[in-house]
C-alpha atoms as a PDB file:
ATOM      1  CA  MET A   1     103.065 119.329  91.185  1.00  0.00           C
ATOM      2  CA  THR A   2     100.621 119.343  88.289  1.00  0.00           C
ATOM      3  CA  PRO A   3      96.934 119.680  89.256  1.00  0.00           C
ATOM      4  CA  SER A   4      95.161 116.485  90.274  1.00  0.00           C
ATOM      5  CA  LYS A   5      93.600 114.816  87.244  1.00  0.00           C
ATOM      6  CA  ASP A   6      91.031 112.075  86.857  1.00  0.00           C
ATOM      7  CA  PHE A   7      92.433 109.330  84.638  1.00  0.00           C
ATOM      8  CA  ASP A   8      92.648 105.576  84.989  1.00  0.00           C
ATOM      9  CA  LEU A   9      95.720 103.661  83.792  1.00  0.00           C
ATOM     10  CA  SER A  10      94.276 100.210  84.545  1.00  0.00           C
ATOM     11  CA  VAL A  11      93.832  99.053  80.940  1.00  0.00           C
ATOM     12  CA  TYR A  12      95.504 101.619  78.719  1.00  0.00           C
ATOM     13  CA  LEU A  13      94.692 100.960  75.065  1.00  0.00           C
ATOM     14  CA  VAL A  14      97.281 102.129  72.513  1.00  0.00           C
ATOM     15  CA  THR A  15      96.080 102.092  68.914  1.00  0.00           C
ATOM     16  CA  ASP A  16      97.979 100.998  65.828  1.00  0.00           C
ATOM     17  CA  PRO A  17      96.708 101.921  62.337  1.00  0.00           C
ATOM     18  CA  ALA A  18      97.734  98.646  60.722  1.00  0.00           C
ATOM     19  CA  LEU A  19      96.278  96.458  63.458  1.00  0.00           C
ATOM     20  CA  THR A  20      92.954  98.319  63.579  1.00  0.00           C
ATOM     21  CA  ALA A  21      92.538  98.306  59.797  1.00  0.00           C
ATOM     22  CA  ALA A  22      90.367  95.181  59.685  1.00  0.00           C
ATOM     23  CA  LYS A  23      87.597  96.460  61.954  1.00  0.00           C
ATOM     24  CA  GLY A  24      88.334 100.181  61.676  1.00  0.00           C
ATOM     25  CA  LEU A  25      89.775 102.432  64.353  1.00  0.00           C
ATOM     26  CA  ALA A  26      86.532 103.672  65.903  1.00  0.00           C
ATOM     27  CA  ALA A  27      84.873 100.244  65.955  1.00  0.00           C
ATOM     28  CA  THR A  28      87.951  98.623  67.505  1.00  0.00           C
ATOM     29  CA  VAL A  29      88.233 101.284  70.196  1.00  0.00           C
ATOM     30  CA  ALA A  30      84.504 101.170  70.938  1.00  0.00           C
ATOM     31  CA  GLU A  31      84.666  97.401  71.485  1.00  0.00           C
ATOM     32  CA  ALA A  32      87.753  97.696  73.676  1.00  0.00           C
ATOM     33  CA  VAL A  33      86.186 100.367  75.873  1.00  0.00           C
ATOM     34  CA  GLU A  34      83.017  98.310  76.201  1.00  0.00           C
ATOM     35  CA  GLY A  35      85.221  95.455  77.373  1.00  0.00           C
ATOM     36  CA  GLY A  36      87.055  97.496  79.990  1.00  0.00           C
ATOM     37  CA  ALA A  37      89.730  99.738  78.437  1.00  0.00           C
ATOM     38  CA  THR A  38      90.044 102.731  80.754  1.00  0.00           C
ATOM     39  CA  LEU A  39      92.269 105.113  78.764  1.00  0.00           C
ATOM     40  CA  VAL A  40      92.957 105.395  75.026  1.00  0.00           C
ATOM     41  CA  GLN A  41      96.037 106.649  73.211  1.00  0.00           C
ATOM     42  CA  LEU A  42      95.856 107.485  69.517  1.00  0.00           C
ATOM     43  CA  ARG A  43      99.219 106.456  68.121  1.00  0.00           C
ATOM     44  CA  ASP A  44     100.018 106.805  64.423  1.00  0.00           C
ATOM     45  CA  LYS A  45     103.593 107.741  63.568  1.00  0.00           C
ATOM     46  CA  GLU A  46     102.992 107.908  59.813  1.00  0.00           C
ATOM     47  CA  GLY A  47      99.581 109.571  59.520  1.00  0.00           C
ATOM     48  CA  SER A  48      99.164 113.029  58.032  1.00  0.00           C
ATOM     49  CA  THR A  49      98.102 115.909  60.239  1.00  0.00           C
ATOM     50  CA  ARG A  50      94.647 115.999  58.621  1.00  0.00           C
ATOM     51  CA  ALA A  51      94.162 112.257  58.980  1.00  0.00           C
ATOM     52  CA  LEU A  52      95.199 112.349  62.623  1.00  0.00           C
ATOM     53  CA  ILE A  53      92.871 115.246  63.392  1.00  0.00           C
ATOM     54  CA  ASP A  54      89.966 113.439  61.731  1.00  0.00           C
ATOM     55  CA  ALA A  55      90.732 110.224  63.630  1.00  0.00           C
ATOM     56  CA  ALA A  56      91.176 112.063  66.920  1.00  0.00           C
ATOM     57  CA  ASN A  57      87.903 113.935  66.503  1.00  0.00           C
ATOM     58  CA  ALA A  58      86.089 110.670  65.842  1.00  0.00           C
ATOM     59  CA  LEU A  59      87.595 109.113  68.960  1.00  0.00           C
ATOM     60  CA  MET A  60      86.814 112.168  71.088  1.00  0.00           C
ATOM     61  CA  SER A  61      83.152 111.932  70.090  1.00  0.00           C
ATOM     62  CA  LEU A  62      83.136 108.225  70.874  1.00  0.00           C
ATOM     63  CA  LEU A  63      84.970 108.393  74.186  1.00  0.00           C
ATOM     64  CA  LYS A  64      83.496 111.516  75.763  1.00  0.00           C
ATOM     65  CA  SER A  65      80.088 109.925  76.294  1.00  0.00           C
ATOM     66  CA  ARG A  66      81.798 106.917  77.861  1.00  0.00           C
ATOM     67  CA  GLY A  67      83.885 108.941  80.301  1.00  0.00           C
ATOM     68  CA  VAL A  68      87.186 107.698  78.865  1.00  0.00           C
ATOM     69  CA  LYS A  69      90.088 110.083  78.269  1.00  0.00           C
ATOM     70  CA  LEU A  70      91.918 110.400  74.934  1.00  0.00           C
ATOM     71  CA  ILE A  71      95.689 110.825  74.814  1.00  0.00           C
ATOM     72  CA  ILE A  72      97.543 111.706  71.610  1.00  0.00           C
ATOM     73  CA  ASN A  73     100.942 110.170  70.995  1.00  0.00           C
ATOM     74  CA  ASP A  74     103.636 112.759  70.255  1.00  0.00           C
ATOM     75  CA  ARG A  75     101.543 115.262  68.276  1.00  0.00           C
ATOM     76  CA  ILE A  76     101.024 118.359  70.425  1.00  0.00           C
ATOM     77  CA  ASP A  77      99.465 120.146  67.449  1.00  0.00           C
ATOM     78  CA  VAL A  78      96.807 117.473  67.023  1.00  0.00           C
ATOM     79  CA  ALA A  79      96.040 117.459  70.763  1.00  0.00           C
ATOM     80  CA  LEU A  80      95.589 121.232  70.716  1.00  0.00           C
ATOM     81  CA  ALA A  81      93.525 121.170  67.526  1.00  0.00           C
ATOM     82  CA  ILE A  82      90.897 118.780  68.862  1.00  0.00           C
ATOM     83  CA  GLY A  83      91.072 119.551  72.582  1.00  0.00           C
ATOM     84  CA  ALA A  84      92.361 116.123  73.564  1.00  0.00           C
ATOM     85  CA  ASP A  85      92.777 115.239  77.216  1.00  0.00           C
ATOM     86  CA  GLY A  86      96.539 114.978  76.922  1.00  0.00           C
ATOM     87  CA  VAL A  87      99.630 113.690  75.159  1.00  0.00           C
ATOM     88  CA  HIS A  88     102.172 110.930  75.538  1.00  0.00           C
ATOM     89  CA  LEU A  89     105.771 111.806  74.706  1.00  0.00           C
ATOM     90  CA  GLY A  90     108.800 109.687  73.942  1.00  0.00           C
ATOM     91  CA  GLN A  91     112.336 110.590  74.852  1.00  0.00           C
ATOM     92  CA  ASP A  92     112.944 112.045  71.370  1.00  0.00           C
ATOM     93  CA  ASP A  93     109.707 114.025  71.236  1.00  0.00           C
ATOM     94  CA  MET A  94     109.098 117.573  72.445  1.00  0.00           C
ATOM     95  CA  PRO A  95     110.537 118.178  75.940  1.00  0.00           C
ATOM     96  CA  VAL A  96     107.849 117.747  78.582  1.00  0.00           C
ATOM     97  CA  ALA A  97     108.336 121.257  79.995  1.00  0.00           C
ATOM     98  CA  ALA A  98     107.671 122.785  76.570  1.00  0.00           C
ATOM     99  CA  ALA A  99     104.628 120.564  76.103  1.00  0.00           C
ATOM    100  CA  ARG A 100     103.281 121.661  79.474  1.00  0.00           C
ATOM    101  CA  ARG A 101     103.665 125.335  78.548  1.00  0.00           C
ATOM    102  CA  LEU A 102     101.720 124.772  75.344  1.00  0.00           C
ATOM    103  CA  LEU A 103      99.001 122.518  76.740  1.00  0.00           C
ATOM    104  CA  GLY A 104      98.459 124.150  80.115  1.00  0.00           C
ATOM    105  CA  PRO A 105      98.125 122.745  83.619  1.00  0.00           C
ATOM    106  CA  ARG A 106      95.007 120.629  83.081  1.00  0.00           C
ATOM    107  CA  ALA A 107      96.366 118.440  80.277  1.00  0.00           C
ATOM    108  CA  ILE A 108      97.492 114.897  81.040  1.00  0.00           C
ATOM    109  CA  ILE A 109     101.129 114.387  80.048  1.00  0.00           C
ATOM    110  CA  GLY A 110     102.850 111.015  79.998  1.00  0.00           C
ATOM    111  CA  ILE A 111     106.480 110.164  79.280  1.00  0.00           C
ATOM    112  CA  SER A 112     108.130 106.950  78.086  1.00  0.00           C
ATOM    113  CA  ILE A 113     110.965 105.496  80.153  1.00  0.00           C
ATOM    114  CA  SER A 114     113.088 102.510  79.193  1.00  0.00           C
ATOM    115  CA  GLU A 115     116.321 103.016  81.151  1.00  0.00           C
ATOM    116  CA  MET A 116     117.687 104.700  84.243  1.00  0.00           C
ATOM    117  CA  ALA A 117     118.993 107.661  82.249  1.00  0.00           C
ATOM    118  CA  HIS A 118     115.381 108.564  81.409  1.00  0.00           C
ATOM    119  CA  VAL A 119     114.173 108.743  85.015  1.00  0.00           C
ATOM    120  CA  PRO A 120     114.870 112.495  85.482  1.00  0.00           C
ATOM    121  CA  THR A 121     112.451 113.280  82.642  1.00  0.00           C
ATOM    122  CA  ALA A 122     109.615 111.913  84.806  1.00  0.00           C
ATOM    123  CA  ASP A 123     109.404 115.140  86.785  1.00  0.00           C
ATOM    124  CA  PRO A 124     106.243 115.167  88.951  1.00  0.00           C
ATOM    125  CA  ALA A 125     106.111 118.951  88.638  1.00  0.00           C
ATOM    126  CA  VAL A 126     105.439 118.552  84.903  1.00  0.00           C
ATOM    127  CA  VAL A 127     104.488 114.944  84.120  1.00  0.00           C
ATOM    128  CA  ASP A 128     101.418 113.019  85.289  1.00  0.00           C
ATOM    129  CA  TYR A 129     102.386 109.424  84.565  1.00  0.00           C
ATOM    130  CA  ALA A 130     105.208 107.347  83.096  1.00  0.00           C
ATOM    131  CA  GLY A 131     105.065 104.440  80.693  1.00  0.00           C
ATOM    132  CA  ILE A 132     107.842 101.970  81.492  1.00  0.00           C
ATOM    133  CA  GLY A 133     108.909  99.307  79.028  1.00  0.00           C
ATOM    134  CA  HIS A 134     109.205  97.307  77.037  1.00  0.00           C
ATOM    135  CA  VAL A 135     108.752  94.766  79.785  1.00  0.00           C
ATOM    136  CA  PHE A 136     108.600  91.686  77.557  1.00  0.00           C
ATOM    137  CA  PRO A 137     109.626  91.101  73.926  1.00  0.00           C
ATOM    138  CA  THR A 138     107.205  92.718  71.491  1.00  0.00           C
ATOM    139  CA  ARG A 139     106.832  93.026  67.725  1.00  0.00           C
ATOM    140  CA  THR A 140     104.704  96.174  67.871  1.00  0.00           C
ATOM    141  CA  LYS A 141     107.764  98.459  67.695  1.00  0.00           C
ATOM    142  CA  ALA A 142     110.854  97.888  65.588  1.00  0.00           C
ATOM    143  CA  LYS A 143     114.471  98.397  66.646  1.00  0.00           C
ATOM    144  CA  LEU A 144     113.918  97.906  70.357  1.00  0.00           C
ATOM    145  CA  GLY A 145     116.676  96.881  72.731  1.00  0.00           C
ATOM    146  CA  PRO A 146     116.459  93.964  75.161  1.00  0.00           C
ATOM    147  CA  ALA A 147     113.279  93.633  77.200  1.00  0.00           C
ATOM    148  CA  LEU A 148     113.447  94.876  80.789  1.00  0.00           C
ATOM    149  CA  GLY A 149     111.821  91.852  82.346  1.00  0.00           C
ATOM    150  CA  ILE A 150     110.026  92.065  85.670  1.00  0.00           C
ATOM    151  CA  ASP A 151     113.171  92.868  87.654  1.00  0.00           C
ATOM    152  CA  GLY A 152     114.196  95.630  85.259  1.00  0.00           C
ATOM    153  CA  PHE A 153     110.708  97.074  85.337  1.00  0.00           C
ATOM    154  CA  ARG A 154     110.651  97.023  89.132  1.00  0.00           C
ATOM    155  CA  ALA A 155     114.040  98.757  89.346  1.00  0.00           C
ATOM    156  CA  LEU A 156     112.828 101.638  87.170  1.00  0.00           C
ATOM    157  CA  ARG A 157     109.428 101.835  88.839  1.00  0.00           C
ATOM    158  CA  GLU A 158     111.067 102.278  92.252  1.00  0.00           C
ATOM    159  CA  ARG A 159     112.791 105.428  90.963  1.00  0.00           C
ATOM    160  CA  VAL A 160     109.671 107.061  89.545  1.00  0.00           C
ATOM    161  CA  ALA A 161     107.470 109.049  91.928  1.00  0.00           C
ATOM    162  CA  MET A 162     104.225 109.037  89.950  1.00  0.00           C
ATOM    163  CA  PRO A 163     101.675 106.601  88.538  1.00  0.00           C
ATOM    164  CA  VAL A 164     103.218 104.109  86.133  1.00  0.00           C
ATOM    165  CA  VAL A 165     101.840 101.967  83.333  1.00  0.00           C
ATOM    166  CA  ALA A 166     103.779  98.950  82.103  1.00  0.00           C
ATOM    167  CA  ILE A 167     104.012  98.357  78.354  1.00  0.00           C
ATOM    168  CA  GLY A 168     105.492  95.822  75.994  1.00  0.00           C
ATOM    169  CA  GLY A 169     104.423  92.257  75.296  1.00  0.00           C
ATOM    170  CA  ILE A 170     102.076  92.027  78.273  1.00  0.00           C
ATOM    171  CA  GLU A 171      99.513  89.221  78.152  1.00  0.00           C
ATOM    172  CA  PRO A 172      96.624  88.597  80.561  1.00  0.00           C
ATOM    173  CA  ASP A 173      98.669  85.894  82.316  1.00  0.00           C
ATOM    174  CA  THR A 174     101.670  88.221  82.777  1.00  0.00           C
ATOM    175  CA  THR A 175      99.584  91.129  84.031  1.00  0.00           C
ATOM    176  CA  GLY A 176      99.727  89.938  87.648  1.00  0.00           C
ATOM    177  CA  PRO A 177     103.535  90.049  87.905  1.00  0.00           C
ATOM    178  CA  VAL A 178     103.772  93.594  86.523  1.00  0.00           C
ATOM    179  CA  ILE A 179     101.071  94.836  88.914  1.00  0.00           C
ATOM    180  CA  ALA A 180     102.949  93.144  91.760  1.00  0.00           C
ATOM    181  CA  ALA A 181     106.122  94.895  90.586  1.00  0.00           C
ATOM    182  CA  GLY A 182     104.470  98.278  91.035  1.00  0.00           C
ATOM    183  CA  ALA A 183     102.514  99.006  87.849  1.00  0.00           C
ATOM    184  CA  ASP A 184      99.302 100.978  88.221  1.00  0.00           C
ATOM    185  CA  GLY A 185      98.058  99.503  84.978  1.00  0.00           C
ATOM    186  CA  VAL A 186      99.038  97.849  81.709  1.00  0.00           C
ATOM    187  CA  ALA A 187      99.326  99.481  78.299  1.00  0.00           C
ATOM    188  CA  ILE A 188      98.229  97.126  75.542  1.00  0.00           C
ATOM    189  CA  VAL A 189      98.524  97.376  71.768  1.00  0.00           C
ATOM    190  CA  SER A 190      98.259  94.118  69.810  1.00  0.00           C
ATOM    191  CA  GLY A 191      96.837  92.134  72.719  1.00  0.00           C
ATOM    192  CA  ILE A 192      93.589  94.057  72.236  1.00  0.00           C
ATOM    193  CA  VAL A 193      93.525  95.780  68.830  1.00  0.00           C
ATOM    194  CA  ALA A 194      94.739  92.700  66.922  1.00  0.00           C
ATOM    195  CA  ALA A 195      92.430  90.338  68.796  1.00  0.00           C
ATOM    196  CA  PRO A 196      89.483  88.842  66.874  1.00  0.00           C
ATOM    197  CA  ASN A 197      87.246  90.172  69.649  1.00  0.00           C
ATOM    198  CA  PRO A 198      88.689  93.388  71.147  1.00  0.00           C
ATOM    199  CA  LYS A 199      85.893  93.551  73.719  1.00  0.00           C
ATOM    200  CA  ALA A 200      86.642  90.098  75.094  1.00  0.00           C
ATOM    201  CA  ALA A 201      90.385  90.778  75.044  1.00  0.00           C
ATOM    202  CA  ALA A 202      89.991  94.025  76.968  1.00  0.00           C
ATOM    203  CA  THR A 203      87.801  92.234  79.501  1.00  0.00           C
ATOM    204  CA  GLN A 204      90.518  89.636  80.052  1.00  0.00           C
ATOM    205  CA  TYR A 205      93.039  92.367  80.855  1.00  0.00           C
ATOM    206  CA  ALA A 206      90.597  94.232  83.097  1.00  0.00           C
ATOM    207  CA  LEU A 207      89.872  91.082  85.081  1.00  0.00           C
ATOM    208  CA  ALA A 208      93.578  90.275  85.323  1.00  0.00           C
ATOM    209  CA  VAL A 209      94.369  93.750  86.684  1.00  0.00           C
ATOM    210  CA  ALA A 210      91.534  93.554  89.205  1.00  0.00           C
ATOM    211  CA  ALA A 211      92.566  90.072  90.372  1.00  0.00           C
ATOM    212  CA  ALA A 212      96.205  91.133  90.698  1.00  0.00           C
ATOM    213  CA  ARG A 213      95.258  94.114  92.840  1.00  0.00           C
ATOM    214  CA  VAL A 214      93.169  91.940  95.153  1.00  0.00           C
ATOM    215  CA  SER A 215      95.974  89.390  95.467  1.00  0.00           C
ATOM    216  CA  HIS A 216      98.587  92.102  95.990  1.00  0.00           C
ATOM    217  CA  SER A 217      96.479  93.707  98.713  1.00  0.00           C
ATOM    218  CA  SER A 218      95.664  90.447 100.481  1.00  0.00           C
ATOM    219  CA  THR A 219      99.317  89.452 100.664  1.00  0.00           C
ATOM    220  CA  GLY A 220     100.425  92.785 102.033  1.00  0.00           C
ATOM    221  CA  GLY A 221     102.051  93.819  98.763  1.00  0.00           C
ATOM    222  CA  ASN A 222     104.101  90.651  98.256  1.00  0.00           C
ATOM    223  CA  LEU A 223     102.950  88.326  95.518  1.00  0.00           C
END
Protein backbone atom coordinates (compact mmCIF):
# COMPACT_ATOMS: atom_id res chain seq x y z
CA MET A 1 0.00 0.00 0.00
CA THR A 2 1.13 3.55 -0.67
CA PRO A 3 1.32 5.82 2.40
CA SER A 4 -1.93 7.44 3.50
CA LYS A 5 -2.38 10.80 1.78
CA ASP A 6 -4.68 13.73 2.42
CA PHE A 7 -6.57 14.56 -0.76
CA ASP A 8 -10.23 15.14 -1.52
CA LEU A 9 -11.78 13.87 -4.76
CA SER A 10 -15.20 15.45 -4.13
CA VAL A 11 -15.04 18.12 -6.84
CA TYR A 12 -11.96 17.42 -8.93
CA LEU A 13 -11.29 20.28 -11.33
CA VAL A 14 -9.47 19.39 -14.57
CA THR A 15 -8.21 22.38 -16.55
CA ASP A 16 -8.29 22.90 -20.29
CA PRO A 17 -6.16 25.64 -21.92
CA ALA A 18 -8.74 26.56 -24.54
CA LEU A 19 -11.65 26.71 -22.11
CA THR A 20 -9.76 28.79 -19.53
CA ALA A 21 -8.46 31.26 -22.12
CA ALA A 22 -11.24 33.81 -21.61
CA LYS A 23 -10.66 34.39 -17.90
CA GLY A 24 -7.11 33.03 -17.68
CA LEU A 25 -5.99 29.83 -16.02
CA ALA A 26 -5.18 31.19 -12.57
CA ALA A 27 -8.32 33.33 -12.32
CA THR A 28 -10.54 30.44 -13.43
CA VAL A 29 -8.97 28.03 -10.95
CA ALA A 30 -9.13 30.57 -8.12
CA GLU A 31 -12.86 31.08 -8.71
CA ALA A 32 -13.50 27.35 -8.89
CA VAL A 33 -11.66 26.67 -5.64
CA GLU A 34 -13.53 29.49 -3.93
CA GLY A 35 -16.73 27.81 -5.08
CA GLY A 36 -15.80 24.38 -3.76
CA ALA A 37 -13.32 22.59 -6.04
CA THR A 38 -11.31 20.29 -3.78
CA LEU A 39 -8.52 19.06 -6.08
CA VAL A 40 -7.02 20.56 -9.24
CA GLN A 41 -5.39 18.85 -12.21
CA LEU A 42 -3.34 20.86 -14.68
CA ARG A 43 -4.01 19.26 -18.04
CA ASP A 44 -2.47 20.63 -21.23
CA LYS A 45 -1.50 18.07 -23.85
CA GLU A 46 -0.03 20.62 -26.26
CA GLY A 47 1.82 23.05 -23.99
CA SER A 48 5.59 23.35 -24.03
CA THR A 49 7.60 22.22 -21.04
CA ARG A 50 8.43 25.83 -20.11
CA ALA A 51 4.82 26.94 -20.43
CA LEU A 52 3.61 24.05 -18.30
CA ILE A 53 6.19 24.72 -15.61
CA ASP A 54 5.22 28.40 -15.50
CA ALA A 55 1.52 27.53 -15.30
CA ALA A 56 2.10 24.86 -12.67
CA ASN A 57 4.18 27.20 -10.52
CA ALA A 58 1.44 29.82 -10.68
CA LEU A 59 -1.17 27.27 -9.63
CA MET A 60 1.02 25.92 -6.82
CA SER A 61 1.33 29.42 -5.38
CA LEU A 62 -2.41 29.92 -5.66
CA LEU A 63 -3.48 26.57 -4.26
CA LYS A 64 -1.01 26.05 -1.42
CA SER A 65 -2.50 28.83 0.70
CA ARG A 66 -5.95 27.36 0.11
CA GLY A 67 -4.99 23.83 1.14
CA VAL A 68 -5.85 22.36 -2.26
CA LYS A 69 -3.57 19.81 -3.93
CA LEU A 70 -2.23 20.17 -7.49
CA ILE A 71 -2.00 17.17 -9.80
CA ILE A 72 -0.18 17.30 -13.14
CA ASN A 73 -1.60 15.35 -16.05
CA ASP A 74 0.93 13.00 -17.65
CA ARG A 75 4.07 15.14 -17.26
CA ILE A 76 6.27 13.56 -14.59
CA ASP A 77 9.05 16.02 -15.45
CA VAL A 78 6.83 19.02 -14.77
CA ALA A 79 5.59 17.52 -11.49
CA LEU A 80 9.17 16.95 -10.35
CA ALA A 81 10.31 20.39 -11.49
CA ILE A 82 7.76 22.30 -9.44
CA GLY A 83 7.20 19.87 -6.57
CA ALA A 84 3.58 19.16 -7.43
CA ASP A 85 1.48 17.00 -5.15
CA GLY A 86 1.13 14.27 -7.75
CA VAL A 87 0.36 13.16 -11.28
CA HIS A 88 -2.50 11.63 -13.21
CA LEU A 89 -1.59 9.05 -15.84
CA GLY A 90 -3.49 7.63 -18.78
CA GLN A 91 -3.14 4.11 -20.06
CA ASP A 92 -0.63 5.23 -22.71
CA ASP A 93 1.46 7.36 -20.35
CA MET A 94 4.41 6.26 -18.22
CA PRO A 95 3.70 3.01 -16.33
CA VAL A 96 2.55 3.74 -12.80
CA ALA A 97 5.33 1.68 -11.20
CA ALA A 98 7.97 3.75 -13.01
CA ALA A 99 6.21 6.97 -12.01
CA ARG A 100 6.17 5.85 -8.39
CA ARG A 101 9.91 5.15 -8.45
CA LEU A 102 10.58 8.63 -9.80
CA LEU A 103 8.14 10.55 -7.61
CA GLY A 104 8.55 8.66 -4.35
CA PRO A 105 6.05 7.30 -1.84
CA ARG A 106 4.42 10.58 -0.83
CA ALA A 107 3.25 11.65 -4.30
CA ILE A 108 -0.40 11.22 -5.26
CA ILE A 109 -0.74 9.04 -8.36
CA GLY A 110 -3.98 8.56 -10.25
CA ILE A 111 -4.73 6.33 -13.23
CA SER A 112 -7.43 6.51 -15.90
CA ILE A 113 -9.66 3.47 -16.44
CA SER A 114 -12.25 3.09 -19.17
CA GLU A 115 -12.62 -0.68 -19.57
CA MET A 116 -12.16 -3.92 -17.68
CA ALA A 117 -8.78 -4.57 -19.28
CA HIS A 118 -7.45 -1.48 -17.48
CA VAL A 119 -8.44 -2.61 -13.98
CA PRO A 120 -5.12 -4.36 -13.17
CA THR A 121 -3.28 -1.05 -13.63
CA ALA A 122 -5.15 0.30 -10.58
CA ASP A 123 -2.78 -1.46 -8.20
CA PRO A 124 -3.32 -0.20 -4.62
CA ALA A 125 0.35 -0.87 -3.88
CA VAL A 126 1.28 1.87 -6.37
CA VAL A 127 -1.79 3.96 -7.23
CA ASP A 128 -3.82 6.20 -4.92
CA TYR A 129 -7.00 6.75 -6.91
CA ALA A 130 -8.61 5.88 -10.24
CA GLY A 131 -10.51 8.08 -12.65
CA ILE A 132 -13.25 6.06 -14.35
CA GLY A 133 -14.97 7.28 -17.49
CA HIS A 134 -16.19 8.67 -19.64
CA VAL A 135 -19.48 8.11 -17.90
CA PHE A 136 -21.60 10.26 -20.21
CA PRO A 137 -20.97 11.65 -23.71
CA THR A 138 -18.49 14.52 -23.67
CA ARG A 139 -16.90 16.86 -26.20
CA THR A 140 -13.88 17.66 -24.04
CA LYS A 141 -11.84 14.78 -25.51
CA ALA A 142 -11.83 13.68 -29.13
CA LYS A 143 -11.91 10.11 -30.44
CA LEU A 144 -13.61 8.58 -27.42
CA GLY A 145 -15.53 5.33 -27.57
CA PRO A 146 -19.08 4.86 -26.30
CA ALA A 147 -19.91 6.29 -22.89
CA LEU A 148 -19.98 3.82 -20.00
CA GLY A 149 -23.26 4.98 -18.55
CA ILE A 150 -24.09 4.47 -14.89
CA ASP A 151 -24.19 0.67 -15.15
CA GLY A 152 -20.83 0.52 -16.92
CA PHE A 153 -19.31 2.86 -14.38
CA ARG A 154 -20.65 0.78 -11.50
CA ALA A 155 -19.28 -2.44 -13.01
CA LEU A 156 -15.77 -0.98 -13.22
CA ARG A 157 -15.97 0.70 -9.83
CA GLU A 158 -16.81 -2.62 -8.16
CA ARG A 159 -13.50 -4.04 -9.44
CA VAL A 160 -11.32 -1.20 -8.20
CA ALA A 161 -10.14 -1.31 -4.59
CA MET A 162 -9.30 2.36 -4.08
CA PRO A 163 -10.97 5.78 -4.16
CA VAL A 164 -12.57 6.54 -7.50
CA VAL A 165 -13.55 9.74 -9.27
CA ALA A 166 -16.07 9.67 -12.10
CA ILE A 167 -15.36 11.75 -15.21
CA GLY A 168 -17.02 12.55 -18.49
CA GLY A 169 -20.07 14.68 -19.21
CA ILE A 170 -21.17 14.90 -15.58
CA GLU A 171 -23.62 17.69 -14.76
CA PRO A 172 -24.87 18.76 -11.32
CA ASP A 173 -28.12 16.84 -11.90
CA THR A 174 -26.26 13.64 -12.85
CA THR A 175 -23.84 13.84 -9.93
CA GLY A 176 -26.20 11.99 -7.58
CA PRO A 177 -26.39 8.82 -9.70
CA VAL A 178 -22.60 8.52 -10.05
CA ILE A 179 -22.11 8.99 -6.29
CA ALA A 180 -24.77 6.33 -5.71
CA ALA A 181 -22.90 4.06 -8.13
CA GLY A 182 -19.78 4.25 -5.97
CA ALA A 183 -17.91 7.41 -6.99
CA ASP A 184 -16.01 9.23 -4.27
CA GLY A 185 -16.22 12.41 -6.29
CA VAL A 186 -16.71 13.90 -9.75
CA ALA A 187 -14.03 15.18 -12.10
CA ILE A 188 -15.25 18.19 -14.06
CA VAL A 189 -13.74 20.03 -17.02
CA SER A 190 -16.12 22.16 -19.10
CA GLY A 191 -18.89 22.13 -16.51
CA ILE A 192 -16.75 24.48 -14.42
CA VAL A 193 -13.96 26.02 -16.54
CA ALA A 194 -16.27 26.91 -19.45
CA ALA A 195 -19.00 28.26 -17.18
CA PRO A 196 -19.59 32.04 -17.17
CA ASN A 197 -19.16 31.90 -13.39
CA PRO A 198 -16.73 29.11 -12.39
CA LYS A 199 -17.30 29.82 -8.69
CA ALA A 200 -21.05 29.32 -8.94
CA ALA A 201 -20.60 26.24 -11.12
CA ALA A 202 -18.19 24.65 -8.66
CA THR A 203 -20.61 25.39 -5.83
CA GLN A 204 -23.39 23.59 -7.70
CA TYR A 205 -21.24 20.47 -8.00
CA ALA A 206 -20.12 20.66 -4.37
CA LEU A 207 -23.71 20.90 -3.18
CA ALA A 208 -24.75 18.05 -5.47
CA VAL A 209 -22.00 15.79 -4.11
CA ALA A 210 -22.89 16.65 -0.51
CA ALA A 211 -26.61 16.05 -1.10
CA ALA A 212 -25.92 12.74 -2.84
CA ARG A 213 -23.80 11.53 0.06
CA VAL A 214 -26.52 12.41 2.57
CA SER A 215 -29.17 10.67 0.48
CA HIS A 216 -26.95 7.64 -0.09
CA SER A 217 -26.25 7.36 3.63
CA SER A 218 -29.87 7.82 4.69
CA THR A 219 -31.07 5.09 2.35
CA GLY A 220 -28.47 2.61 3.49
CA GLY A 221 -26.47 2.92 0.27
CA ASN A 222 -29.38 2.38 -2.12
CA LEU A 223 -30.57 5.42 -4.02
